[in-house]
Amino acid sequence: MTIKPLEYLTYRGKAGMWAWILHRLTGVGVLMFLLAHILDTAAIGWGPAAYNRMIELYRMPVFRVGEVALAGAVLFHALNGVRIIILDFWPETMTAEKKLFAGVVTLFAVVYLPMAIYMLRFLAH
């Protein structure tokens, strides 16, 4: 049997793969925020005026929407991390991996959607 390169590089789209990709993407997103936060906090070294200018950026609408995305990334990463812990410590749960991922997505939606609506209410004004 020969494997065609395009078939080899194609994802199968199963729950575990999507959980893996989303976990990595949300982890990178949270890391990028932490690096930006370290930089803006370091601005205090150049005096209060520099720090205040840096912090003013976060009041811009694009950054406020970014905060909503950050909250979603942190929430999904945490919930999926609990799923991973369950799978690691109780290997017999591997048979329910798809259900666990569905639970993560459902719980994420139930918690995140109202929170995002609340956080984005400033756009309606």
PDB file of N, CA and C in Angstrom:
ATOM      1  N   MET A   1       0.844  -1.173   0.000  1.00  0.00           N
ATOM      2  CA  MET A   1       0.000   0.000   0.000  1.00  0.00           C
ATOM      3  C   MET A   1       0.898   1.247   0.000  1.00  0.00           C
ATOM      4  N   THR A   2       0.645   2.146  -0.891  1.00  0.00           N
ATOM      5  CA  THR A   2       1.413   3.387  -0.939  1.00  0.00           C
ATOM      6  C   THR A   2       0.581   4.524  -0.373  1.00  0.00           C
ATOM      7  N   ILE A   3       1.269   5.383   0.323  1.00  0.00           N
ATOM      8  CA  ILE A   3       0.603   6.549   0.907  1.00  0.00           C
ATOM      9  C   ILE A   3       0.917   7.744   0.028  1.00  0.00           C
ATOM     10  N   LYS A   4      -0.131   8.398  -0.417  1.00  0.00           N
ATOM     11  CA  LYS A   4       0.049   9.607  -1.217  1.00  0.00           C
ATOM     12  C   LYS A   4       0.362  10.776  -0.290  1.00  0.00           C
ATOM     13  N   PRO A   5       1.299  11.640  -0.697  1.00  0.00           N
ATOM     14  CA  PRO A   5       1.700  12.752   0.187  1.00  0.00           C
ATOM     15  C   PRO A   5       0.521  13.603   0.656  1.00  0.00           C
ATOM     16  N   LEU A   6      -0.432  13.889  -0.214  1.00  0.00           N
ATOM     17  CA  LEU A   6      -1.558  14.724   0.170  1.00  0.00           C
ATOM     18  C   LEU A   6      -2.423  14.036   1.226  1.00  0.00           C
ATOM     19  N   GLU A   7      -2.587  12.735   1.122  1.00  0.00           N
ATOM     20  CA  GLU A   7      -3.343  11.986   2.119  1.00  0.00           C
ATOM     21  C   GLU A   7      -2.599  11.978   3.460  1.00  0.00           C
ATOM     22  N   TYR A   8      -1.294  11.889   3.406  1.00  0.00           N
ATOM     23  CA  TYR A   8      -0.479  11.845   4.618  1.00  0.00           C
ATOM     24  C   TYR A   8      -0.584  13.157   5.392  1.00  0.00           C
ATOM     25  N   LEU A   9      -0.662  14.284   4.668  1.00  0.00           N
ATOM     26  CA  LEU A   9      -0.683  15.593   5.302  1.00  0.00           C
ATOM     27  C   LEU A   9      -2.087  16.057   5.675  1.00  0.00           C
ATOM     28  N   THR A  10      -3.097  15.289   5.347  1.00  0.00           N
ATOM     29  CA  THR A  10      -4.471  15.677   5.611  1.00  0.00           C
ATOM     30  C   THR A  10      -4.904  15.208   6.995  1.00  0.00           C
ATOM     31  N   TYR A  11      -5.454  16.140   7.765  1.00  0.00           N
ATOM     32  CA  TYR A  11      -5.974  15.781   9.077  1.00  0.00           C
ATOM     33  C   TYR A  11      -7.258  14.987   8.916  1.00  0.00           C
ATOM     34  N   ARG A  12      -7.525  14.142   9.853  1.00  0.00           N
ATOM     35  CA  ARG A  12      -8.716  13.296   9.801  1.00  0.00           C
ATOM     36  C   ARG A  12      -9.931  13.981  10.432  1.00  0.00           C
ATOM     37  N   GLY A  13      -9.702  15.006  11.249  1.00  0.00           N
ATOM     38  CA  GLY A  13     -10.802  15.773  11.803  1.00  0.00           C
ATOM     39  C   GLY A  13     -11.505  15.164  12.992  1.00  0.00           C
ATOM     40  N   LYS A  14     -10.868  14.281  13.708  1.00  0.00           N
ATOM     41  CA  LYS A  14     -11.514  13.672  14.866  1.00  0.00           C
ATOM     42  C   LYS A  14     -11.386  14.585  16.086  1.00  0.00           C
ATOM     43  N   ALA A  15     -12.177  14.289  17.113  1.00  0.00           N
ATOM     44  CA  ALA A  15     -12.251  15.143  18.298  1.00  0.00           C
ATOM     45  C   ALA A  15     -10.881  15.364  18.939  1.00  0.00           C
ATOM     46  N   GLY A  16     -10.083  14.323  19.061  1.00  0.00           N
ATOM     47  CA  GLY A  16      -8.770  14.448  19.684  1.00  0.00           C
ATOM     48  C   GLY A  16      -7.857  15.409  18.946  1.00  0.00           C
ATOM     49  N   MET A  17      -7.923  15.373  17.604  1.00  0.00           N
ATOM     50  CA  MET A  17      -7.091  16.267  16.811  1.00  0.00           C
ATOM     51  C   MET A  17      -7.510  17.721  17.008  1.00  0.00           C
ATOM     52  N   TRP A  18      -8.830  17.968  17.002  1.00  0.00           N
ATOM     53  CA  TRP A  18      -9.309  19.339  17.184  1.00  0.00           C
ATOM     54  C   TRP A  18      -9.002  19.837  18.589  1.00  0.00           C
ATOM     55  N   ALA A  19      -9.119  18.974  19.569  1.00  0.00           N
ATOM     56  CA  ALA A  19      -8.774  19.357  20.940  1.00  0.00           C
ATOM     57  C   ALA A  19      -7.291  19.720  21.024  1.00  0.00           C
ATOM     58  N   TRP A  20      -6.452  18.917  20.367  1.00  0.00           N
ATOM     59  CA  TRP A  20      -5.001  19.163  20.369  1.00  0.00           C
ATOM     60  C   TRP A  20      -4.689  20.505  19.721  1.00  0.00           C
ATOM     61  N   ILE A  21      -5.269  20.763  18.541  1.00  0.00           N
ATOM     62  CA  ILE A  21      -5.003  22.023  17.822  1.00  0.00           C
ATOM     63  C   ILE A  21      -5.483  23.218  18.636  1.00  0.00           C
ATOM     64  N   LEU A  22      -6.702  23.152  19.143  1.00  0.00           N
ATOM     65  CA  LEU A  22      -7.245  24.272  19.914  1.00  0.00           C
ATOM     66  C   LEU A  22      -6.465  24.501  21.204  1.00  0.00           C
ATOM     67  N   HIS A  23      -6.003  23.423  21.821  1.00  0.00           N
ATOM     68  CA  HIS A  23      -5.214  23.565  23.045  1.00  0.00           C
ATOM     69  C   HIS A  23      -3.903  24.298  22.744  1.00  0.00           C
ATOM     70  N   ARG A  24      -3.265  23.941  21.635  1.00  0.00           N
ATOM     71  CA  ARG A  24      -2.010  24.604  21.265  1.00  0.00           C
ATOM     72  C   ARG A  24      -2.236  26.056  20.901  1.00  0.00           C
ATOM     73  N   LEU A  25      -3.273  26.326  20.101  1.00  0.00           N
ATOM     74  CA  LEU A  25      -3.554  27.709  19.684  1.00  0.00           C
ATOM     75  C   LEU A  25      -3.911  28.599  20.874  1.00  0.00           C
ATOM     76  N   THR A  26      -4.752  28.097  21.777  1.00  0.00           N
ATOM     77  CA  THR A  26      -5.103  28.907  22.937  1.00  0.00           C
ATOM     78  C   THR A  26      -3.898  29.093  23.856  1.00  0.00           C
ATOM     79  N   GLY A  27      -3.047  28.081  23.937  1.00  0.00           N
ATOM     80  CA  GLY A  27      -1.827  28.217  24.739  1.00  0.00           C
ATOM     81  C   GLY A  27      -0.903  29.283  24.188  1.00  0.00           C
ATOM     82  N   VAL A  28      -0.744  29.305  22.876  1.00  0.00           N
ATOM     83  CA  VAL A  28       0.096  30.334  22.239  1.00  0.00           C
ATOM     84  C   VAL A  28      -0.527  31.712  22.426  1.00  0.00           C
ATOM     85  N   GLY A  29      -1.856  31.798  22.312  1.00  0.00           N
ATOM     86  CA  GLY A  29      -2.532  33.083  22.514  1.00  0.00           C
ATOM     87  C   GLY A  29      -2.330  33.621  23.915  1.00  0.00           C
ATOM     88  N   VAL A  30      -2.462  32.765  24.909  1.00  0.00           N
ATOM     89  CA  VAL A  30      -2.253  33.183  26.295  1.00  0.00           C
ATOM     90  C   VAL A  30      -0.793  33.579  26.508  1.00  0.00           C
ATOM     91  N   LEU A  31       0.124  32.829  25.922  1.00  0.00           N
ATOM     92  CA  LEU A  31       1.545  33.170  26.033  1.00  0.00           C
ATOM     93  C   LEU A  31       1.832  34.541  25.421  1.00  0.00           C
ATOM     94  N   MET A  32       1.236  34.822  24.256  1.00  0.00           N
ATOM     95  CA  MET A  32       1.455  36.126  23.613  1.00  0.00           C
ATOM     96  C   MET A  32       0.943  37.260  24.512  1.00  0.00           C
ATOM     97  N   PHE A  33      -0.208  37.035  25.136  1.00  0.00           N
ATOM     98  CA  PHE A  33      -0.717  38.046  26.064  1.00  0.00           C
ATOM     99  C   PHE A  33       0.242  38.244  27.235  1.00  0.00           C
ATOM    100  N   LEU A  34       0.737  37.156  27.792  1.00  0.00           N
ATOM    101  CA  LEU A  34       1.642  37.276  28.932  1.00  0.00           C
ATOM    102  C   LEU A  34       2.911  38.037  28.560  1.00  0.00           C
ATOM    103  N   LEU A  35       3.430  37.788  27.363  1.00  0.00           N
ATOM    104  CA  LEU A  35       4.611  38.534  26.913  1.00  0.00           C
ATOM    105  C   LEU A  35       4.298  40.016  26.765  1.00  0.00           C
ATOM    106  N   ALA A  36       3.128  40.332  26.182  1.00  0.00           N
ATOM    107  CA  ALA A  36       2.727  41.740  26.048  1.00  0.00           C
ATOM    108  C   ALA A  36       2.541  42.372  27.430  1.00  0.00           C
ATOM    109  N   HIS A  37       1.993  41.621  28.357  1.00  0.00           N
ATOM    110  CA  HIS A  37       1.769  42.135  29.707  1.00  0.00           C
ATOM    111  C   HIS A  37       3.097  42.416  30.407  1.00  0.00           C
ATOM    112  N   ILE A  38       4.072  41.564  30.209  1.00  0.00           N
ATOM    113  CA  ILE A  38       5.398  41.801  30.784  1.00  0.00           C
ATOM    114  C   ILE A  38       5.991  43.091  30.215  1.00  0.00           C
ATOM    115  N   LEU A  39       5.840  43.284  28.906  1.00  0.00           N
ATOM    116  CA  LEU A  39       6.362  44.500  28.276  1.00  0.00           C
ATOM    117  C   LEU A  39       5.659  45.754  28.771  1.00  0.00           C
ATOM    118  N   ASP A  40       4.312  45.701  28.866  1.00  0.00           N
ATOM    119  CA  ASP A  40       3.631  46.922  29.317  1.00  0.00           C
ATOM    120  C   ASP A  40       3.921  47.217  30.785  1.00  0.00           C
ATOM    121  N   THR A  41       4.112  46.186  31.587  1.00  0.00           N
ATOM    122  CA  THR A  41       4.471  46.410  32.985  1.00  0.00           C
ATOM    123  C   THR A  41       5.893  46.955  33.084  1.00  0.00           C
ATOM    124  N   ALA A  42       6.766  46.511  32.196  1.00  0.00           N
ATOM    125  CA  ALA A  42       8.148  47.009  32.198  1.00  0.00           C
ATOM    126  C   ALA A  42       8.219  48.484  31.823  1.00  0.00           C
ATOM    127  N   ALA A  43       7.174  49.006  31.174  1.00  0.00           N
ATOM    128  CA  ALA A  43       7.170  50.420  30.779  1.00  0.00           C
ATOM    129  C   ALA A  43       7.243  51.341  31.996  1.00  0.00           C
ATOM    130  N   ILE A  44       6.916  50.835  33.171  1.00  0.00           N
ATOM    131  CA  ILE A  44       7.001  51.659  34.386  1.00  0.00           C
ATOM    132  C   ILE A  44       8.442  52.110  34.612  1.00  0.00           C
ATOM    133  N   GLY A  45       9.393  51.349  34.080  1.00  0.00           N
ATOM    134  CA  GLY A  45      10.805  51.710  34.201  1.00  0.00           C
ATOM    135  C   GLY A  45      11.139  53.023  33.501  1.00  0.00           C
ATOM    136  N   TRP A  46      10.323  53.415  32.526  1.00  0.00           N
ATOM    137  CA  TRP A  46      10.535  54.676  31.816  1.00  0.00           C
ATOM    138  C   TRP A  46       9.697  55.803  32.402  1.00  0.00           C
ATOM    139  N   GLY A  47       9.066  55.523  33.530  1.00  0.00           N
ATOM    140  CA  GLY A  47       8.304  56.557  34.229  1.00  0.00           C
ATOM    141  C   GLY A  47       6.805  56.370  34.099  1.00  0.00           C
ATOM    142  N   PRO A  48       6.070  57.053  34.961  1.00  0.00           N
ATOM    143  CA  PRO A  48       4.611  56.926  34.974  1.00  0.00           C
ATOM    144  C   PRO A  48       3.954  57.353  33.660  1.00  0.00           C
ATOM    145  N   ALA A  49       4.488  58.361  32.997  1.00  0.00           N
ATOM    146  CA  ALA A  49       3.881  58.830  31.742  1.00  0.00           C
ATOM    147  C   ALA A  49       3.950  57.745  30.669  1.00  0.00           C
ATOM    148  N   ALA A  50       5.091  57.089  30.553  1.00  0.00           N
ATOM    149  CA  ALA A  50       5.232  56.014  29.563  1.00  0.00           C
ATOM    150  C   ALA A  50       4.301  54.854  29.891  1.00  0.00           C
ATOM    151  N   TYR A  51       4.218  54.517  31.155  1.00  0.00           N
ATOM    152  CA  TYR A  51       3.336  53.428  31.579  1.00  0.00           C
ATOM    153  C   TYR A  51       1.874  53.762  31.285  1.00  0.00           C
ATOM    154  N   ASN A  52       1.475  54.988  31.605  1.00  0.00           N
ATOM    155  CA  ASN A  52       0.082  55.394  31.368  1.00  0.00           C
ATOM    156  C   ASN A  52      -0.259  55.398  29.883  1.00  0.00           C
ATOM    157  N   ARG A  53       0.682  55.815  29.039  1.00  0.00           N
ATOM    158  CA  ARG A  53       0.442  55.761  27.581  1.00  0.00           C
ATOM    159  C   ARG A  53       0.251  54.332  27.123  1.00  0.00           C
ATOM    160  N   MET A  54       1.031  53.431  27.667  1.00  0.00           N
ATOM    161  CA  MET A  54       0.931  52.017  27.299  1.00  0.00           C
ATOM    162  C   MET A  54      -0.421  51.453  27.734  1.00  0.00           C
ATOM    163  N   ILE A  55      -0.827  51.777  28.936  1.00  0.00           N
ATOM    164  CA  ILE A  55      -2.086  51.268  29.472  1.00  0.00           C
ATOM    165  C   ILE A  55      -3.287  51.852  28.725  1.00  0.00           C
ATOM    166  N   GLU A  56      -3.159  53.074  28.224  1.00  0.00           N
ATOM    167  CA  GLU A  56      -4.248  53.686  27.452  1.00  0.00           C
ATOM    168  C   GLU A  56      -4.584  52.867  26.204  1.00  0.00           C
ATOM    169  N   LEU A  57      -3.613  52.167  25.678  1.00  0.00           N
ATOM    170  CA  LEU A  57      -3.871  51.321  24.513  1.00  0.00           C
ATOM    171  C   LEU A  57      -4.968  50.298  24.799  1.00  0.00           C
ATOM    172  N   TYR A  58      -4.991  49.788  26.024  1.00  0.00           N
ATOM    173  CA  TYR A  58      -5.948  48.745  26.379  1.00  0.00           C
ATOM    174  C   TYR A  58      -7.384  49.250  26.455  1.00  0.00           C
ATOM    175  N   ARG A  59      -7.565  50.558  26.426  1.00  0.00           N
ATOM    176  CA  ARG A  59      -8.922  51.110  26.437  1.00  0.00           C
ATOM    177  C   ARG A  59      -9.485  51.222  25.025  1.00  0.00           C
ATOM    178  N   MET A  60      -8.671  50.994  24.024  1.00  0.00           N
ATOM    179  CA  MET A  60      -9.139  51.052  22.636  1.00  0.00           C
ATOM    180  C   MET A  60     -10.054  49.854  22.357  1.00  0.00           C
ATOM    181  N   PRO A  61     -11.080  50.051  21.518  1.00  0.00           N
ATOM    182  CA  PRO A  61     -12.027  48.958  21.240  1.00  0.00           C
ATOM    183  C   PRO A  61     -11.370  47.673  20.744  1.00  0.00           C
ATOM    184  N   VAL A  62     -10.361  47.768  19.911  1.00  0.00           N
ATOM    185  CA  VAL A  62      -9.726  46.557  19.391  1.00  0.00           C
ATOM    186  C   VAL A  62      -9.099  45.738  20.516  1.00  0.00           C
ATOM    187  N   PHE A  63      -8.531  46.406  21.501  1.00  0.00           N
ATOM    188  CA  PHE A  63      -7.938  45.691  22.637  1.00  0.00           C
ATOM    189  C   PHE A  63      -9.015  45.128  23.560  1.00  0.00           C
ATOM    190  N   ARG A  64     -10.125  45.839  23.665  1.00  0.00           N
ATOM    191  CA  ARG A  64     -11.218  45.336  24.505  1.00  0.00           C
ATOM    192  C   ARG A  64     -11.833  44.083  23.892  1.00  0.00           C
ATOM    193  N   VAL A  65     -11.941  44.057  22.582  1.00  0.00           N
ATOM    194  CA  VAL A  65     -12.406  42.836  21.907  1.00  0.00           C
ATOM    195  C   VAL A  65     -11.364  41.740  22.082  1.00  0.00           C
ATOM    196  N   GLY A  66     -10.095  42.117  22.036  1.00  0.00           N
ATOM    197  CA  GLY A  66      -9.017  41.156  22.277  1.00  0.00           C
ATOM    198  C   GLY A  66      -9.093  40.546  23.671  1.00  0.00           C
ATOM    199  N   GLU A  67      -9.545  41.319  24.650  1.00  0.00           N
ATOM    200  CA  GLU A  67      -9.719  40.787  26.004  1.00  0.00           C
ATOM    201  C   GLU A  67     -10.773  39.686  26.032  1.00  0.00           C
ATOM    202  N   VAL A  68     -11.805  39.851  25.213  1.00  0.00           N
ATOM    203  CA  VAL A  68     -12.852  38.830  25.136  1.00  0.00           C
ATOM    204  C   VAL A  68     -12.263  37.547  24.541  1.00  0.00           C
ATOM    205  N   ALA A  69     -11.456  37.704  23.500  1.00  0.00           N
ATOM    206  CA  ALA A  69     -10.785  36.535  22.903  1.00  0.00           C
ATOM    207  C   ALA A  69      -9.830  35.896  23.907  1.00  0.00           C
ATOM    208  N   LEU A  70      -9.113  36.720  24.665  1.00  0.00           N
ATOM    209  CA  LEU A  70      -8.199  36.199  25.688  1.00  0.00           C
ATOM    210  C   LEU A  70      -8.964  35.410  26.747  1.00  0.00           C
ATOM    211  N   ALA A  71     -10.089  35.941  27.192  1.00  0.00           N
ATOM    212  CA  ALA A  71     -10.896  35.228  28.188  1.00  0.00           C
ATOM    213  C   ALA A  71     -11.351  33.880  27.639  1.00  0.00           C
ATOM    214  N   GLY A  72     -11.738  33.855  26.362  1.00  0.00           N
ATOM    215  CA  GLY A  72     -12.136  32.589  25.742  1.00  0.00           C
ATOM    216  C   GLY A  72     -10.977  31.619  25.644  1.00  0.00           C
ATOM    217  N   ALA A  73      -9.809  32.122  25.295  1.00  0.00           N
ATOM    218  CA  ALA A  73      -8.633  31.257  25.184  1.00  0.00           C
ATOM    219  C   ALA A  73      -8.264  30.659  26.541  1.00  0.00           C
ATOM    220  N   VAL A  74      -8.289  31.487  27.580  1.00  0.00           N
ATOM    221  CA  VAL A  74      -7.954  30.993  28.922  1.00  0.00           C
ATOM    222  C   VAL A  74      -8.982  29.955  29.371  1.00  0.00           C
ATOM    223  N   LEU A  75     -10.262  30.239  29.132  1.00  0.00           N
ATOM    224  CA  LEU A  75     -11.320  29.316  29.556  1.00  0.00           C
ATOM    225  C   LEU A  75     -11.204  27.986  28.824  1.00  0.00           C
ATOM    226  N   PHE A  76     -11.070  28.023  27.491  1.00  0.00           N
ATOM    227  CA  PHE A  76     -10.969  26.761  26.752  1.00  0.00           C
ATOM    228  C   PHE A  76      -9.719  25.992  27.162  1.00  0.00           C
ATOM    229  N   HIS A  77      -8.594  26.683  27.283  1.00  0.00           N
ATOM    230  CA  HIS A  77      -7.338  26.032  27.642  1.00  0.00           C
ATOM    231  C   HIS A  77      -7.465  25.346  29.006  1.00  0.00           C
ATOM    232  N   ALA A  78      -8.118  26.005  29.950  1.00  0.00           N
ATOM    233  CA  ALA A  78      -8.291  25.425  31.284  1.00  0.00           C
ATOM    234  C   ALA A  78      -9.213  24.207  31.244  1.00  0.00           C
ATOM    235  N   LEU A  79     -10.350  24.340  30.570  1.00  0.00           N
ATOM    236  CA  LEU A  79     -11.294  23.221  30.498  1.00  0.00           C
ATOM    237  C   LEU A  79     -10.685  22.026  29.773  1.00  0.00           C
ATOM    238  N   ASN A  80     -10.002  22.287  28.681  1.00  0.00           N
ATOM    239  CA  ASN A  80      -9.368  21.195  27.941  1.00  0.00           C
ATOM    240  C   ASN A  80      -8.217  20.596  28.749  1.00  0.00           C
ATOM    241  N   GLY A  81      -7.545  21.413  29.540  1.00  0.00           N
ATOM    242  CA  GLY A  81      -6.496  20.900  30.414  1.00  0.00           C
ATOM    243  C   GLY A  81      -7.051  19.914  31.436  1.00  0.00           C
ATOM    244  N   VAL A  82      -8.226  20.205  31.955  1.00  0.00           N
ATOM    245  CA  VAL A  82      -8.875  19.269  32.888  1.00  0.00           C
ATOM    246  C   VAL A  82      -9.211  17.971  32.154  1.00  0.00           C
ATOM    247  N   ARG A  83      -9.687  18.071  30.908  1.00  0.00           N
ATOM    248  CA  ARG A  83      -9.975  16.881  30.102  1.00  0.00           C
ATOM    249  C   ARG A  83      -8.708  16.047  29.917  1.00  0.00           C
ATOM    250  N   ILE A  84      -7.600  16.701  29.638  1.00  0.00           N
ATOM    251  CA  ILE A  84      -6.329  15.997  29.450  1.00  0.00           C
ATOM    252  C   ILE A  84      -5.899  15.308  30.746  1.00  0.00           C
ATOM    253  N   ILE A  85      -6.065  15.988  31.869  1.00  0.00           N
ATOM    254  CA  ILE A  85      -5.722  15.390  33.167  1.00  0.00           C
ATOM    255  C   ILE A  85      -6.561  14.142  33.409  1.00  0.00           C
ATOM    256  N   ILE A  86      -7.857  14.241  33.111  1.00  0.00           N
ATOM    257  CA  ILE A  86      -8.736  13.078  33.283  1.00  0.00           C
ATOM    258  C   ILE A  86      -8.255  11.922  32.414  1.00  0.00           C
ATOM    259  N   LEU A  87      -7.932  12.200  31.170  1.00  0.00           N
ATOM    260  CA  LEU A  87      -7.466  11.146  30.262  1.00  0.00           C
ATOM    261  C   LEU A  87      -6.123  10.563  30.705  1.00  0.00           C
ATOM    262  N   ASP A  88      -5.254  11.402  31.245  1.00  0.00           N
ATOM    263  CA  ASP A  88      -3.934  10.925  31.683  1.00  0.00           C
ATOM    264  C   ASP A  88      -4.001  10.078  32.948  1.00  0.00           C
ATOM    265  N   PHE A  89      -4.793  10.516  33.916  1.00  0.00           N
ATOM    266  CA  PHE A  89      -4.840   9.809  35.197  1.00  0.00           C
ATOM    267  C   PHE A  89      -5.786   8.613  35.209  1.00  0.00           C
ATOM    268  N   TRP A  90      -6.764   8.616  34.343  1.00  0.00           N
ATOM    269  CA  TRP A  90      -7.710   7.511  34.252  1.00  0.00           C
ATOM    270  C   TRP A  90      -7.776   7.034  32.806  1.00  0.00           C
ATOM    271  N   PRO A  91      -6.793   6.219  32.377  1.00  0.00           N
ATOM    272  CA  PRO A  91      -6.711   5.778  30.973  1.00  0.00           C
ATOM    273  C   PRO A  91      -7.978   5.098  30.453  1.00  0.00           C
ATOM    274  N   GLU A  92      -8.767   4.516  31.348  1.00  0.00           N
ATOM    275  CA  GLU A  92      -9.996   3.864  30.893  1.00  0.00           C
ATOM    276  C   GLU A  92     -10.999   4.865  30.313  1.00  0.00           C
ATOM    277  N   THR A  93     -10.781   6.162  30.580  1.00  0.00           N
ATOM    278  CA  THR A  93     -11.679   7.183  30.021  1.00  0.00           C
ATOM    279  C   THR A  93     -11.378   7.478  28.558  1.00  0.00           C
ATOM    280  N   MET A  94     -10.305   6.897  28.011  1.00  0.00           N
ATOM    281  CA  MET A  94      -9.972   7.114  26.598  1.00  0.00           C
ATOM    282  C   MET A  94     -11.111   6.674  25.680  1.00  0.00           C
ATOM    283  N   THR A  95     -11.912   5.721  26.129  1.00  0.00           N
ATOM    284  CA  THR A  95     -13.044   5.281  25.308  1.00  0.00           C
ATOM    285  C   THR A  95     -14.113   6.367  25.218  1.00  0.00           C
ATOM    286  N   ALA A  96     -14.064   7.326  26.132  1.00  0.00           N
ATOM    287  CA  ALA A  96     -15.038   8.420  26.150  1.00  0.00           C
ATOM    288  C   ALA A  96     -14.413   9.744  25.723  1.00  0.00           C
ATOM    289  N   GLU A  97     -13.297   9.692  25.002  1.00  0.00           N
ATOM    290  CA  GLU A  97     -12.587  10.920  24.625  1.00  0.00           C
ATOM    291  C   GLU A  97     -13.484  11.882  23.849  1.00  0.00           C
ATOM    292  N   LYS A  98     -14.252  11.357  22.919  1.00  0.00           N
ATOM    293  CA  LYS A  98     -15.137  12.204  22.115  1.00  0.00           C
ATOM    294  C   LYS A  98     -16.199  12.870  23.002  1.00  0.00           C
ATOM    295  N   LYS A  99     -16.752  12.125  23.951  1.00  0.00           N
ATOM    296  CA  LYS A  99     -17.760  12.682  24.863  1.00  0.00           C
ATOM    297  C   LYS A  99     -17.142  13.732  25.784  1.00  0.00           C
ATOM    298  N   LEU A 100     -15.927  13.481  26.237  1.00  0.00           N
ATOM    299  CA  LEU A 100     -15.252  14.460  27.093  1.00  0.00           C
ATOM    300  C   LEU A 100     -15.005  15.762  26.336  1.00  0.00           C
ATOM    301  N   PHE A 101     -14.596  15.651  25.070  1.00  0.00           N
ATOM    302  CA  PHE A 101     -14.373  16.851  24.269  1.00  0.00           C
ATOM    303  C   PHE A 101     -15.691  17.583  24.034  1.00  0.00           C
ATOM    304  N   ALA A 102     -16.756  16.838  23.776  1.00  0.00           N
ATOM    305  CA  ALA A 102     -18.075  17.453  23.609  1.00  0.00           C
ATOM    306  C   ALA A 102     -18.485  18.172  24.897  1.00  0.00           C
ATOM    307  N   GLY A 103     -18.149  17.581  26.039  1.00  0.00           N
ATOM    308  CA  GLY A 103     -18.427  18.220  27.324  1.00  0.00           C
ATOM    309  C   GLY A 103     -17.656  19.510  27.496  1.00  0.00           C
ATOM    310  N   VAL A 104     -16.390  19.495  27.085  1.00  0.00           N
ATOM    311  CA  VAL A 104     -15.562  20.709  27.158  1.00  0.00           C
ATOM    312  C   VAL A 104     -16.170  21.803  26.292  1.00  0.00           C
ATOM    313  N   VAL A 105     -16.542  21.455  25.064  1.00  0.00           N
ATOM    314  CA  VAL A 105     -17.107  22.445  24.140  1.00  0.00           C
ATOM    315  C   VAL A 105     -18.438  22.977  24.671  1.00  0.00           C
ATOM    316  N   THR A 106     -19.265  22.097  25.206  1.00  0.00           N
ATOM    317  CA  THR A 106     -20.562  22.514  25.747  1.00  0.00           C
ATOM    318  C   THR A 106     -20.380  23.427  26.947  1.00  0.00           C
ATOM    319  N   LEU A 107     -19.549  23.019  27.887  1.00  0.00           N
ATOM    320  CA  LEU A 107     -19.304  23.843  29.070  1.00  0.00           C
ATOM    321  C   LEU A 107     -18.681  25.182  28.680  1.00  0.00           C
ATOM    322  N   PHE A 108     -17.766  25.164  27.714  1.00  0.00           N
ATOM    323  CA  PHE A 108     -17.163  26.397  27.218  1.00  0.00           C
ATOM    324  C   PHE A 108     -18.249  27.327  26.686  1.00  0.00           C
ATOM    325  N   ALA A 109     -19.133  26.806  25.854  1.00  0.00           N
ATOM    326  CA  ALA A 109     -20.192  27.633  25.256  1.00  0.00           C
ATOM    327  C   ALA A 109     -21.125  28.200  26.326  1.00  0.00           C
ATOM    328  N   VAL A 110     -21.493  27.372  27.295  1.00  0.00           N
ATOM    329  CA  VAL A 110     -22.417  27.800  28.355  1.00  0.00           C
ATOM    330  C   VAL A 110     -21.797  28.918  29.199  1.00  0.00           C
ATOM    331  N   VAL A 111     -20.522  28.834  29.465  1.00  0.00           N
ATOM    332  CA  VAL A 111     -19.859  29.845  30.292  1.00  0.00           C
ATOM    333  C   VAL A 111     -19.419  31.042  29.454  1.00  0.00           C
ATOM    334  N   TYR A 112     -18.849  30.790  28.287  1.00  0.00           N
ATOM    335  CA  TYR A 112     -18.224  31.856  27.513  1.00  0.00           C
ATOM    336  C   TYR A 112     -19.228  32.779  26.830  1.00  0.00           C
ATOM    337  N   LEU A 113     -20.258  32.239  26.236  1.00  0.00           N
ATOM    338  CA  LEU A 113     -21.174  33.087  25.467  1.00  0.00           C
ATOM    339  C   LEU A 113     -21.806  34.199  26.310  1.00  0.00           C
ATOM    340  N   PRO A 114     -22.374  33.905  27.477  1.00  0.00           N
ATOM    341  CA  PRO A 114     -22.907  35.017  28.287  1.00  0.00           C
ATOM    342  C   PRO A 114     -21.809  35.994  28.730  1.00  0.00           C
ATOM    343  N   MET A 115     -20.638  35.450  29.048  1.00  0.00           N
ATOM    344  CA  MET A 115     -19.530  36.300  29.475  1.00  0.00           C
ATOM    345  C   MET A 115     -19.093  37.221  28.331  1.00  0.00           C
ATOM    346  N   ALA A 116     -19.000  36.680  27.125  1.00  0.00           N
ATOM    347  CA  ALA A 116     -18.584  37.484  25.974  1.00  0.00           C
ATOM    348  C   ALA A 116     -19.615  38.567  25.668  1.00  0.00           C
ATOM    349  N   ILE A 117     -20.888  38.220  25.753  1.00  0.00           N
ATOM    350  CA  ILE A 117     -21.945  39.216  25.524  1.00  0.00           C
ATOM    351  C   ILE A 117     -21.835  40.338  26.553  1.00  0.00           C
ATOM    352  N   TYR A 118     -21.628  39.962  27.803  1.00  0.00           N
ATOM    353  CA  TYR A 118     -21.477  40.966  28.862  1.00  0.00           C
ATOM    354  C   TYR A 118     -20.251  41.848  28.614  1.00  0.00           C
ATOM    355  N   MET A 119     -19.144  41.234  28.234  1.00  0.00           N
ATOM    356  CA  MET A 119     -17.914  41.994  28.018  1.00  0.00           C
ATOM    357  C   MET A 119     -17.995  42.883  26.787  1.00  0.00           C
ATOM    358  N   LEU A 120     -18.790  42.504  25.798  1.00  0.00           N
ATOM    359  CA  LEU A 120     -18.886  43.274  24.561  1.00  0.00           C
ATOM    360  C   LEU A 120     -20.038  44.282  24.566  1.00  0.00           C
ATOM    361  N   ARG A 121     -20.712  44.431  25.674  1.00  0.00           N
ATOM    362  CA  ARG A 121     -21.849  45.332  25.729  1.00  0.00           C
ATOM    363  C   ARG A 121     -21.462  46.775  25.404  1.00  0.00           C
ATOM    364  N   PHE A 122     -20.192  47.129  25.566  1.00  0.00           N
ATOM    365  CA  PHE A 122     -19.733  48.482  25.258  1.00  0.00           C
ATOM    366  C   PHE A 122     -19.904  48.797  23.772  1.00  0.00           C
ATOM    367  N   LEU A 123     -19.941  47.790  22.913  1.00  0.00           N
ATOM    368  CA  LEU A 123     -20.095  48.024  21.479  1.00  0.00           C
ATOM    369  C   LEU A 123     -21.480  48.550  21.128  1.00  0.00           C
ATOM    370  N   ALA A 124     -22.472  48.268  21.959  1.00  0.00           N
ATOM    371  CA  ALA A 124     -23.844  48.687  21.697  1.00  0.00           C
ATOM    372  C   ALA A 124     -24.075  50.162  22.039  1.00  0.00           C
ATOM    373  N   HIS A 125     -23.146  50.761  22.769  1.00  0.00           N
ATOM    374  CA  HIS A 125     -23.359  52.148  23.191  1.00  0.00           C
ATOM    375  C   HIS A 125     -22.822  53.124  22.187  1.00  0.00           C
TER     376      HIS A 125
END
